[in-house]
């Protein structure tokens, strides 16, 4: 809910989904202080987006929260986004490659110059993800998961319910060589998880958010 360019960051993500991807139904996975988000968006459609909420009563990690949220969904494949990062993913390309590979999950990858905070991802020539190295002080250009994923709902359903599970450390590594693919994209990858990255987010996203507005 922190503001970037005059709006809560989450609003920008929802506007992007609606106005550039044509998505009209979103499930927000909330946890501690999640009522603030629910009160902000309210029970009615927000800017043409029908929002429902999946609230965890105890910390479930990124994987456990997704498992809970997916129980409210009906689609065979779900677009999953982090709430504190932005990348210029191409949803059409992501979906086409996901289906062509009959993938369990397909991750949008961005090139970073320092993977200390994000970890890095190894991909073979066919786009299969072959391994992860989480948050090691690796310098130089590396591929990092950009927080946008397409996942089969039946794969999400295999996550053990009602316990804390990490997508990044448990779920995705378990899918290596079992249908896990990556798509390398271009454009900005912005994380607002630290005061420093939040401070730089407004300028980095100026052109990305241009033209997005609530109608």
C-alpha atoms as a PDB file:
ATOM      1  CA  UNK A   1       0.000   0.000   0.000  1.00  0.00           C
ATOM      2  CA  UNK A   2       3.027   2.304   0.040  1.00  0.00           C
ATOM      3  CA  UNK A   3       2.608   5.112  -2.482  1.00  0.00           C
ATOM      4  CA  UNK A   4       4.601   5.323  -5.700  1.00  0.00           C
ATOM      5  CA  UNK A   5       3.862   8.225  -8.052  1.00  0.00           C
ATOM      6  CA  UNK A   6       0.804   9.261  -6.057  1.00  0.00           C
ATOM      7  CA  UNK A   7      -0.903   5.859  -5.819  1.00  0.00           C
ATOM      8  CA  UNK A   8      -0.541   2.796  -3.628  1.00  0.00           C
ATOM      9  CA  UNK A   9       1.818   0.491  -5.490  1.00  0.00           C
ATOM     10  CA  UNK A  10      -0.815  -2.245  -5.527  1.00  0.00           C
ATOM     11  CA  UNK A  11      -3.186   0.018  -7.463  1.00  0.00           C
ATOM     12  CA  UNK A  12      -0.625   0.320 -10.257  1.00  0.00           C
ATOM     13  CA  UNK A  13      -0.320  -3.466 -10.459  1.00  0.00           C
ATOM     14  CA  UNK A  14      -4.097  -3.853 -10.695  1.00  0.00           C
ATOM     15  CA  UNK A  15      -4.401  -1.128 -13.330  1.00  0.00           C
ATOM     16  CA  UNK A  16      -1.709  -2.843 -15.377  1.00  0.00           C
ATOM     17  CA  UNK A  17      -3.596  -6.142 -15.161  1.00  0.00           C
ATOM     18  CA  UNK A  18      -6.884  -4.578 -16.226  1.00  0.00           C
ATOM     19  CA  UNK A  19      -5.816  -2.094 -18.872  1.00  0.00           C
ATOM     20  CA  UNK A  20      -2.901  -3.882 -20.536  1.00  0.00           C
ATOM     21  CA  UNK A  21      -3.688  -7.539 -19.937  1.00  0.00           C
ATOM     22  CA  UNK A  22      -7.487  -7.427 -19.987  1.00  0.00           C
ATOM     23  CA  UNK A  23      -7.761  -9.246 -16.664  1.00  0.00           C
ATOM     24  CA  UNK A  24     -10.911  -8.467 -14.715  1.00  0.00           C
ATOM     25  CA  UNK A  25     -10.801 -10.940 -11.808  1.00  0.00           C
ATOM     26  CA  UNK A  26      -8.044 -10.840  -9.201  1.00  0.00           C
ATOM     27  CA  UNK A  27      -7.543 -12.683  -5.927  1.00  0.00           C
ATOM     28  CA  UNK A  28      -5.393 -10.797  -3.427  1.00  0.00           C
ATOM     29  CA  UNK A  29      -3.564 -12.951  -0.882  1.00  0.00           C
ATOM     30  CA  UNK A  30      -3.385 -10.961   2.350  1.00  0.00           C
ATOM     31  CA  UNK A  31      -1.885 -11.551   5.764  1.00  0.00           C
ATOM     32  CA  UNK A  32      -0.885  -9.288   8.639  1.00  0.00           C
ATOM     33  CA  UNK A  33      -2.871  -6.008   8.444  1.00  0.00           C
ATOM     34  CA  UNK A  34      -4.642  -7.350   5.377  1.00  0.00           C
ATOM     35  CA  UNK A  35      -7.804  -5.600   6.504  1.00  0.00           C
ATOM     36  CA  UNK A  36      -6.232  -2.318   5.417  1.00  0.00           C
ATOM     37  CA  UNK A  37      -6.098  -3.607   1.848  1.00  0.00           C
ATOM     38  CA  UNK A  38      -9.627  -4.985   2.014  1.00  0.00           C
ATOM     39  CA  UNK A  39     -11.016  -1.719   3.359  1.00  0.00           C
ATOM     40  CA  UNK A  40      -9.162   0.302   0.733  1.00  0.00           C
ATOM     41  CA  UNK A  41     -10.528  -1.602  -2.263  1.00  0.00           C
ATOM     42  CA  UNK A  42     -13.903  -2.415  -0.734  1.00  0.00           C
ATOM     43  CA  UNK A  43     -16.494  -5.014  -1.730  1.00  0.00           C
ATOM     44  CA  UNK A  44     -17.418  -3.473  -5.107  1.00  0.00           C
ATOM     45  CA  UNK A  45     -15.416  -3.757  -8.348  1.00  0.00           C
ATOM     46  CA  UNK A  46     -12.469  -1.376  -8.320  1.00  0.00           C
ATOM     47  CA  UNK A  47     -11.770   0.370 -11.641  1.00  0.00           C
ATOM     48  CA  UNK A  48     -13.394  -2.511 -13.487  1.00  0.00           C
ATOM     49  CA  UNK A  49     -11.534  -5.207 -11.536  1.00  0.00           C
ATOM     50  CA  UNK A  50     -13.473  -7.722  -9.461  1.00  0.00           C
ATOM     51  CA  UNK A  51     -11.322  -8.324  -6.390  1.00  0.00           C
ATOM     52  CA  UNK A  52     -11.681 -11.128  -3.871  1.00  0.00           C
ATOM     53  CA  UNK A  53      -9.482 -11.686  -0.858  1.00  0.00           C
ATOM     54  CA  UNK A  54      -7.737 -14.753   0.487  1.00  0.00           C
ATOM     55  CA  UNK A  55      -6.651 -13.976   4.035  1.00  0.00           C
ATOM     56  CA  UNK A  56      -4.192 -16.162   5.913  1.00  0.00           C
ATOM     57  CA  UNK A  57      -4.875 -16.347   9.649  1.00  0.00           C
ATOM     58  CA  UNK A  58      -1.272 -17.402  10.302  1.00  0.00           C
ATOM     59  CA  UNK A  59       1.910 -16.904   8.225  1.00  0.00           C
ATOM     60  CA  UNK A  60       1.898 -19.385   5.338  1.00  0.00           C
ATOM     61  CA  UNK A  61       4.829 -18.128   3.282  1.00  0.00           C
ATOM     62  CA  UNK A  62       4.564 -17.352  -0.419  1.00  0.00           C
ATOM     63  CA  UNK A  63       3.702 -20.942  -1.347  1.00  0.00           C
ATOM     64  CA  UNK A  64       1.176 -21.536   1.390  1.00  0.00           C
ATOM     65  CA  UNK A  65      -0.567 -18.232   0.704  1.00  0.00           C
ATOM     66  CA  UNK A  66      -0.786 -19.105  -2.989  1.00  0.00           C
ATOM     67  CA  UNK A  67      -2.183 -22.565  -2.157  1.00  0.00           C
ATOM     68  CA  UNK A  68      -4.906 -20.931  -0.078  1.00  0.00           C
ATOM     69  CA  UNK A  69      -5.705 -18.274  -2.689  1.00  0.00           C
ATOM     70  CA  UNK A  70      -5.856 -20.792  -5.536  1.00  0.00           C
ATOM     71  CA  UNK A  71      -8.695 -22.598  -3.786  1.00  0.00           C
ATOM     72  CA  UNK A  72     -10.853 -19.598  -4.753  1.00  0.00           C
ATOM     73  CA  UNK A  73      -9.906 -19.848  -8.452  1.00  0.00           C
ATOM     74  CA  UNK A  74     -11.358 -21.901 -11.292  1.00  0.00           C
ATOM     75  CA  UNK A  75      -8.940 -21.353 -14.202  1.00  0.00           C
ATOM     76  CA  UNK A  76      -6.604 -24.183 -15.148  1.00  0.00           C
ATOM     77  CA  UNK A  77      -3.652 -21.751 -15.250  1.00  0.00           C
ATOM     78  CA  UNK A  78      -3.131 -18.818 -12.910  1.00  0.00           C
ATOM     79  CA  UNK A  79      -1.064 -15.670 -13.371  1.00  0.00           C
ATOM     80  CA  UNK A  80       0.728 -15.062 -10.072  1.00  0.00           C
ATOM     81  CA  UNK A  81       2.347 -11.717  -9.223  1.00  0.00           C
ATOM     82  CA  UNK A  82       4.354 -10.480  -6.270  1.00  0.00           C
ATOM     83  CA  UNK A  83       2.742  -7.491  -4.589  1.00  0.00           C
ATOM     84  CA  UNK A  84       5.999  -5.592  -4.028  1.00  0.00           C
ATOM     85  CA  UNK A  85       7.741  -5.897  -7.408  1.00  0.00           C
ATOM     86  CA  UNK A  86       7.073  -4.737 -10.939  1.00  0.00           C
ATOM     87  CA  UNK A  87       8.403  -6.113 -14.197  1.00  0.00           C
ATOM     88  CA  UNK A  88       7.359  -5.482 -17.774  1.00  0.00           C
ATOM     89  CA  UNK A  89       6.148  -9.030 -18.386  1.00  0.00           C
ATOM     90  CA  UNK A  90       4.380  -9.984 -21.611  1.00  0.00           C
ATOM     91  CA  UNK A  91       1.356 -12.008 -20.538  1.00  0.00           C
ATOM     92  CA  UNK A  92       0.619 -13.242 -24.091  1.00  0.00           C
ATOM     93  CA  UNK A  93       4.160 -14.509 -24.608  1.00  0.00           C
ATOM     94  CA  UNK A  94       4.196 -16.052 -21.140  1.00  0.00           C
ATOM     95  CA  UNK A  95       0.926 -17.877 -21.776  1.00  0.00           C
ATOM     96  CA  UNK A  96       1.852 -19.086 -25.265  1.00  0.00           C
ATOM     97  CA  UNK A  97       5.179 -20.552 -24.142  1.00  0.00           C
ATOM     98  CA  UNK A  98       3.602 -22.019 -21.014  1.00  0.00           C
ATOM     99  CA  UNK A  99       1.067 -23.928 -23.120  1.00  0.00           C
ATOM    100  CA  UNK A 100       3.565 -24.870 -25.849  1.00  0.00           C
ATOM    101  CA  UNK A 101       5.858 -26.449 -23.247  1.00  0.00           C
ATOM    102  CA  UNK A 102       2.976 -28.008 -21.316  1.00  0.00           C
ATOM    103  CA  UNK A 103       4.771 -26.492 -18.341  1.00  0.00           C
ATOM    104  CA  UNK A 104       3.997 -26.957 -14.683  1.00  0.00           C
ATOM    105  CA  UNK A 105       5.084 -23.349 -14.141  1.00  0.00           C
ATOM    106  CA  UNK A 106       6.694 -20.646 -16.259  1.00  0.00           C
ATOM    107  CA  UNK A 107       8.649 -17.808 -14.656  1.00  0.00           C
ATOM    108  CA  UNK A 108       9.312 -14.380 -16.154  1.00  0.00           C
ATOM    109  CA  UNK A 109      13.028 -13.668 -15.765  1.00  0.00           C
ATOM    110  CA  UNK A 110      14.861 -10.346 -15.761  1.00  0.00           C
ATOM    111  CA  UNK A 111      18.552  -9.547 -16.075  1.00  0.00           C
ATOM    112  CA  UNK A 112      20.087  -7.977 -12.966  1.00  0.00           C
ATOM    113  CA  UNK A 113      23.649  -6.828 -12.342  1.00  0.00           C
ATOM    114  CA  UNK A 114      23.719  -7.888  -8.697  1.00  0.00           C
ATOM    115  CA  UNK A 115      21.785 -10.948  -7.531  1.00  0.00           C
ATOM    116  CA  UNK A 116      22.617 -10.471  -3.838  1.00  0.00           C
ATOM    117  CA  UNK A 117      18.987  -9.652  -3.003  1.00  0.00           C
ATOM    118  CA  UNK A 118      17.214 -11.721  -5.640  1.00  0.00           C
ATOM    119  CA  UNK A 119      19.197 -14.868  -6.307  1.00  0.00           C
ATOM    120  CA  UNK A 120      19.784 -16.101  -9.831  1.00  0.00           C
ATOM    121  CA  UNK A 121      18.270 -18.655 -12.169  1.00  0.00           C
ATOM    122  CA  UNK A 122      20.003 -21.026 -14.602  1.00  0.00           C
ATOM    123  CA  UNK A 123      18.203 -21.767 -17.886  1.00  0.00           C
ATOM    124  CA  UNK A 124      19.169 -24.094 -20.738  1.00  0.00           C
ATOM    125  CA  UNK A 125      18.846 -23.351 -24.464  1.00  0.00           C
ATOM    126  CA  UNK A 126      15.284 -24.692 -24.536  1.00  0.00           C
ATOM    127  CA  UNK A 127      14.127 -22.427 -21.729  1.00  0.00           C
ATOM    128  CA  UNK A 128      14.066 -25.115 -19.064  1.00  0.00           C
ATOM    129  CA  UNK A 129      15.107 -23.891 -15.638  1.00  0.00           C
ATOM    130  CA  UNK A 130      17.949 -26.102 -14.450  1.00  0.00           C
ATOM    131  CA  UNK A 131      18.672 -24.603 -11.038  1.00  0.00           C
ATOM    132  CA  UNK A 132      18.538 -21.730  -8.570  1.00  0.00           C
ATOM    133  CA  UNK A 133      21.089 -19.940  -6.461  1.00  0.00           C
ATOM    134  CA  UNK A 134      19.314 -17.938  -3.791  1.00  0.00           C
ATOM    135  CA  UNK A 135      20.606 -14.548  -2.690  1.00  0.00           C
ATOM    136  CA  UNK A 136      24.342 -15.120  -2.907  1.00  0.00           C
ATOM    137  CA  UNK A 137      26.729 -12.191  -3.445  1.00  0.00           C
ATOM    138  CA  UNK A 138      27.175 -12.845  -7.162  1.00  0.00           C
ATOM    139  CA  UNK A 139      28.312  -9.885  -9.235  1.00  0.00           C
ATOM    140  CA  UNK A 140      27.839  -9.464 -12.967  1.00  0.00           C
ATOM    141  CA  UNK A 141      24.791  -9.911 -15.171  1.00  0.00           C
ATOM    142  CA  UNK A 142      22.553 -12.696 -13.934  1.00  0.00           C
ATOM    143  CA  UNK A 143      18.986 -13.871 -14.524  1.00  0.00           C
ATOM    144  CA  UNK A 144      16.596 -13.385 -11.630  1.00  0.00           C
ATOM    145  CA  UNK A 145      12.985 -14.332 -11.111  1.00  0.00           C
ATOM    146  CA  UNK A 146      10.975 -11.136 -11.606  1.00  0.00           C
ATOM    147  CA  UNK A 147       7.948 -12.070  -9.522  1.00  0.00           C
ATOM    148  CA  UNK A 148       5.560 -12.909 -12.383  1.00  0.00           C
ATOM    149  CA  UNK A 149       4.637 -16.553 -12.903  1.00  0.00           C
ATOM    150  CA  UNK A 150       2.136 -18.655 -14.807  1.00  0.00           C
ATOM    151  CA  UNK A 151       1.297 -21.812 -12.897  1.00  0.00           C
ATOM    152  CA  UNK A 152      -1.043 -24.730 -13.385  1.00  0.00           C
ATOM    153  CA  UNK A 153      -3.687 -24.804 -10.680  1.00  0.00           C
ATOM    154  CA  UNK A 154      -3.266 -28.561 -10.208  1.00  0.00           C
ATOM    155  CA  UNK A 155       0.434 -27.987  -9.486  1.00  0.00           C
ATOM    156  CA  UNK A 156      -0.423 -25.340  -6.898  1.00  0.00           C
ATOM    157  CA  UNK A 157      -2.856 -27.805  -5.324  1.00  0.00           C
ATOM    158  CA  UNK A 158       0.049 -30.170  -4.525  1.00  0.00           C
ATOM    159  CA  UNK A 159       1.526 -27.625  -2.081  1.00  0.00           C
ATOM    160  CA  UNK A 160       0.980 -28.904   1.442  1.00  0.00           C
ATOM    161  CA  UNK A 161      -1.871 -26.899   2.977  1.00  0.00           C
ATOM    162  CA  UNK A 162      -2.000 -25.068   6.267  1.00  0.00           C
ATOM    163  CA  UNK A 163       1.739 -24.644   6.760  1.00  0.00           C
ATOM    164  CA  UNK A 164       4.401 -22.131   5.780  1.00  0.00           C
ATOM    165  CA  UNK A 165       5.870 -22.992   2.369  1.00  0.00           C
ATOM    166  CA  UNK A 166       8.229 -20.917   0.232  1.00  0.00           C
ATOM    167  CA  UNK A 167       7.655 -20.765  -3.528  1.00  0.00           C
ATOM    168  CA  UNK A 168      11.226 -19.641  -4.080  1.00  0.00           C
ATOM    169  CA  UNK A 169      13.024 -22.080  -1.783  1.00  0.00           C
ATOM    170  CA  UNK A 170      10.766 -25.143  -1.873  1.00  0.00           C
ATOM    171  CA  UNK A 171       8.165 -25.225  -4.644  1.00  0.00           C
ATOM    172  CA  UNK A 172      10.147 -23.999  -7.651  1.00  0.00           C
ATOM    173  CA  UNK A 173      13.304 -26.024  -6.848  1.00  0.00           C
ATOM    174  CA  UNK A 174      11.121 -29.146  -6.558  1.00  0.00           C
ATOM    175  CA  UNK A 175       9.881 -28.534 -10.120  1.00  0.00           C
ATOM    176  CA  UNK A 176      13.351 -28.340 -11.711  1.00  0.00           C
ATOM    177  CA  UNK A 177      13.469 -30.886 -14.571  1.00  0.00           C
ATOM    178  CA  UNK A 178       9.766 -31.532 -13.992  1.00  0.00           C
ATOM    179  CA  UNK A 179       8.257 -28.929 -16.289  1.00  0.00           C
ATOM    180  CA  UNK A 180       9.674 -25.667 -14.960  1.00  0.00           C
ATOM    181  CA  UNK A 181      10.461 -23.075 -17.632  1.00  0.00           C
ATOM    182  CA  UNK A 182      11.651 -19.495 -17.786  1.00  0.00           C
ATOM    183  CA  UNK A 183      11.081 -16.633 -20.223  1.00  0.00           C
ATOM    184  CA  UNK A 184      13.765 -13.956 -20.390  1.00  0.00           C
ATOM    185  CA  UNK A 185      12.255 -10.503 -20.725  1.00  0.00           C
ATOM    186  CA  UNK A 186      13.508  -6.972 -21.092  1.00  0.00           C
ATOM    187  CA  UNK A 187      12.502  -3.708 -19.484  1.00  0.00           C
ATOM    188  CA  UNK A 188      12.627  -2.607 -15.871  1.00  0.00           C
ATOM    189  CA  UNK A 189      12.488  -4.854 -12.849  1.00  0.00           C
ATOM    190  CA  UNK A 190      11.633  -2.788  -9.795  1.00  0.00           C
ATOM    191  CA  UNK A 191      11.442  -3.995  -6.212  1.00  0.00           C
ATOM    192  CA  UNK A 192      10.083  -1.741  -3.431  1.00  0.00           C
ATOM    193  CA  UNK A 193      11.131  -4.017  -0.581  1.00  0.00           C
ATOM    194  CA  UNK A 194      13.807  -1.711   0.853  1.00  0.00           C
ATOM    195  CA  UNK A 195      13.862   2.048   1.525  1.00  0.00           C
ATOM    196  CA  UNK A 196      16.558   2.460  -1.126  1.00  0.00           C
ATOM    197  CA  UNK A 197      14.676   0.614  -3.852  1.00  0.00           C
ATOM    198  CA  UNK A 198      11.433   2.375  -2.927  1.00  0.00           C
ATOM    199  CA  UNK A 199      13.122   5.747  -3.298  1.00  0.00           C
ATOM    200  CA  UNK A 200      14.229   4.941  -6.837  1.00  0.00           C
ATOM    201  CA  UNK A 201      10.981   3.271  -7.918  1.00  0.00           C
ATOM    202  CA  UNK A 202       9.123   6.423  -8.928  1.00  0.00           C
ATOM    203  CA  UNK A 203      11.641   7.469 -11.561  1.00  0.00           C
ATOM    204  CA  UNK A 204      12.213   3.938 -12.813  1.00  0.00           C
ATOM    205  CA  UNK A 205       8.504   3.387 -13.413  1.00  0.00           C
ATOM    206  CA  UNK A 206       7.552   6.779 -14.835  1.00  0.00           C
ATOM    207  CA  UNK A 207       7.134   5.553 -18.410  1.00  0.00           C
ATOM    208  CA  UNK A 208       5.740   2.172 -17.331  1.00  0.00           C
ATOM    209  CA  UNK A 209       2.764   3.700 -15.539  1.00  0.00           C
ATOM    210  CA  UNK A 210       2.143   6.407 -18.110  1.00  0.00           C
ATOM    211  CA  UNK A 211      -1.429   6.217 -19.414  1.00  0.00           C
ATOM    212  CA  UNK A 212      -2.710   3.963 -16.625  1.00  0.00           C
ATOM    213  CA  UNK A 213      -5.650   5.535 -14.847  1.00  0.00           C
ATOM    214  CA  UNK A 214      -8.857   4.538 -13.146  1.00  0.00           C
ATOM    215  CA  UNK A 215     -11.869   4.966 -15.440  1.00  0.00           C
END
